Amino acid sequence: MKKICVLFMLMLVLAGCGLTKKDLGMARSTPDESQVSRRERLVVPPEYKVRP
């Protein structure tokens, strides 16, 4: 039981560390406003309803 408690506490300490989150891929990065670009809208092909 003591090992489980120690392991749980170690996991909490590591999860709280900012560098560990980044290394493990747990940190979220938000997109930069200047890097966001608009894409063209999707269009339905003219022959979409034709059955094969």
N, C-alpha and C. Protein backbone atom coordinates (compact mmCIF):
# COMPACT_ATOMS: atom_id res chain seq x y z
N MET A 1 0.82 -1.19 0.00
CA MET A 1 0.00 0.00 0.00
C MET A 1 0.87 1.26 0.00
N LYS A 2 1.98 1.17 0.72
CA LYS A 2 2.87 2.32 0.80
C LYS A 2 3.49 2.63 -0.56
N LYS A 3 3.80 1.58 -1.33
CA LYS A 3 4.38 1.77 -2.66
C LYS A 3 3.40 2.48 -3.59
N ILE A 4 2.13 2.13 -3.47
CA ILE A 4 1.11 2.75 -4.31
C ILE A 4 0.98 4.23 -3.97
N CYS A 5 1.01 4.56 -2.69
CA CYS A 5 0.92 5.96 -2.27
C CYS A 5 2.13 6.76 -2.76
N VAL A 6 3.31 6.17 -2.66
CA VAL A 6 4.53 6.85 -3.12
C VAL A 6 4.47 7.04 -4.62
N LEU A 7 4.03 6.03 -5.35
CA LEU A 7 3.93 6.13 -6.80
C LEU A 7 2.91 7.20 -7.20
N PHE A 8 1.79 7.25 -6.51
CA PHE A 8 0.77 8.25 -6.79
C PHE A 8 1.29 9.66 -6.53
N MET A 9 1.99 9.85 -5.43
CA MET A 9 2.55 11.16 -5.10
C MET A 9 3.60 11.57 -6.12
N LEU A 10 4.42 10.62 -6.56
CA LEU A 10 5.43 10.90 -7.58
C LEU A 10 4.77 11.32 -8.89
N MET A 11 3.68 10.66 -9.24
CA MET A 11 2.97 11.03 -10.46
C MET A 11 2.39 12.43 -10.36
N LEU A 12 1.87 12.79 -9.20
CA LEU A 12 1.33 14.14 -9.00
C LEU A 12 2.42 15.20 -9.11
N VAL A 13 3.58 14.92 -8.53
CA VAL A 13 4.69 15.87 -8.58
C VAL A 13 5.16 16.05 -10.02
N LEU A 14 5.29 14.95 -10.75
CA LEU A 14 5.74 15.04 -12.14
C LEU A 14 4.71 15.72 -13.03
N ALA A 15 3.44 15.50 -12.78
CA ALA A 15 2.39 16.13 -13.58
C ALA A 15 2.34 17.63 -13.33
N GLY A 16 2.74 18.07 -12.15
CA GLY A 16 2.72 19.48 -11.82
C GLY A 16 3.89 20.25 -12.41
N CYS A 17 4.89 19.57 -12.85
CA CYS A 17 6.07 20.23 -13.39
C CYS A 17 5.81 20.63 -14.84
N GLY A 18 6.05 21.89 -15.18
CA GLY A 18 5.78 22.38 -16.53
C GLY A 18 6.64 21.74 -17.59
N LEU A 19 7.91 21.53 -17.30
CA LEU A 19 8.79 20.92 -18.30
C LEU A 19 8.43 19.48 -18.56
N THR A 20 8.01 18.77 -17.54
CA THR A 20 7.62 17.38 -17.72
C THR A 20 6.37 17.29 -18.58
N LYS A 21 5.43 18.20 -18.38
CA LYS A 21 4.23 18.21 -19.21
C LYS A 21 4.60 18.41 -20.67
N LYS A 22 5.51 19.31 -20.94
CA LYS A 22 5.92 19.58 -22.32
C LYS A 22 6.63 18.37 -22.91
N ASP A 23 7.50 17.74 -22.14
CA ASP A 23 8.24 16.58 -22.63
C ASP A 23 7.33 15.39 -22.91
N LEU A 24 6.30 15.23 -22.11
CA LEU A 24 5.38 14.11 -22.28
C LEU A 24 4.28 14.40 -23.29
N GLY A 25 4.25 15.62 -23.83
CA GLY A 25 3.24 15.98 -24.81
C GLY A 25 1.90 16.31 -24.20
N MET A 26 1.89 16.67 -22.94
CA MET A 26 0.63 16.98 -22.26
C MET A 26 0.31 18.47 -22.31
N ALA A 27 1.27 19.29 -22.69
CA ALA A 27 1.05 20.74 -22.74
C ALA A 27 0.31 21.10 -24.03
N ARG A 28 -0.65 21.98 -23.91
CA ARG A 28 -1.41 22.40 -25.08
C ARG A 28 -0.85 23.71 -25.61
N SER A 29 -0.75 23.80 -26.91
CA SER A 29 -0.30 25.04 -27.51
C SER A 29 -1.46 25.65 -28.29
N THR A 30 -1.68 26.93 -28.10
CA THR A 30 -2.77 27.60 -28.80
C THR A 30 -2.25 28.16 -30.12
N PRO A 31 -3.08 28.21 -31.14
CA PRO A 31 -2.64 28.74 -32.43
C PRO A 31 -2.41 30.25 -32.35
N ASP A 32 -1.45 30.71 -33.10
CA ASP A 32 -1.14 32.13 -33.16
C ASP A 32 -2.14 32.81 -34.10
N GLU A 33 -2.66 33.94 -33.72
CA GLU A 33 -3.66 34.64 -34.52
C GLU A 33 -3.15 34.99 -35.91
N SER A 34 -1.89 35.32 -36.01
CA SER A 34 -1.35 35.73 -37.31
C SER A 34 -1.06 34.53 -38.21
N GLN A 35 -1.01 33.33 -37.66
CA GLN A 35 -0.71 32.13 -38.44
C GLN A 35 -1.97 31.41 -38.94
N VAL A 36 -3.13 31.79 -38.44
CA VAL A 36 -4.37 31.14 -38.85
C VAL A 36 -4.78 31.67 -40.21
N SER A 37 -5.11 30.76 -41.12
CA SER A 37 -5.55 31.18 -42.45
C SER A 37 -6.88 30.51 -42.78
N ARG A 38 -7.64 31.16 -43.63
CA ARG A 38 -8.93 30.60 -44.03
C ARG A 38 -8.73 29.62 -45.18
N ARG A 39 -9.56 28.61 -45.19
CA ARG A 39 -9.52 27.62 -46.27
C ARG A 39 -10.77 27.78 -47.12
N GLU A 40 -10.69 27.28 -48.33
CA GLU A 40 -11.85 27.33 -49.20
C GLU A 40 -12.94 26.41 -48.66
N ARG A 41 -14.18 26.78 -48.89
CA ARG A 41 -15.29 25.96 -48.43
C ARG A 41 -15.36 24.68 -49.25
N LEU A 42 -15.85 23.64 -48.64
CA LEU A 42 -16.04 22.38 -49.34
C LEU A 42 -17.25 22.49 -50.25
N VAL A 43 -17.15 21.89 -51.42
CA VAL A 43 -18.27 21.91 -52.36
C VAL A 43 -18.65 20.47 -52.69
N VAL A 44 -19.93 20.28 -52.96
CA VAL A 44 -20.42 18.97 -53.34
C VAL A 44 -20.20 18.80 -54.84
N PRO A 45 -19.62 17.67 -55.26
CA PRO A 45 -19.42 17.46 -56.69
C PRO A 45 -20.76 17.43 -57.43
N PRO A 46 -20.78 17.86 -58.69
CA PRO A 46 -22.05 17.92 -59.42
C PRO A 46 -22.70 16.55 -59.61
N GLU A 47 -21.94 15.50 -59.68
CA GLU A 47 -22.48 14.15 -59.90
C GLU A 47 -22.56 13.36 -58.59
N TYR A 48 -22.79 14.03 -57.50
CA TYR A 48 -22.77 13.38 -56.19
C TYR A 48 -23.92 12.40 -56.01
N LYS A 49 -25.08 12.70 -56.56
CA LYS A 49 -26.26 11.85 -56.35
C LYS A 49 -26.36 10.70 -57.35
N VAL A 50 -25.46 10.63 -58.30
CA VAL A 50 -25.47 9.54 -59.28
C VAL A 50 -24.97 8.28 -58.59
N ARG A 51 -25.73 7.22 -58.71
CA ARG A 51 -25.34 5.96 -58.07
C ARG A 51 -24.34 5.22 -58.97
N PRO A 52 -23.40 4.51 -58.38
CA PRO A 52 -22.42 3.77 -59.19
C PRO A 52 -23.03 2.57 -59.89
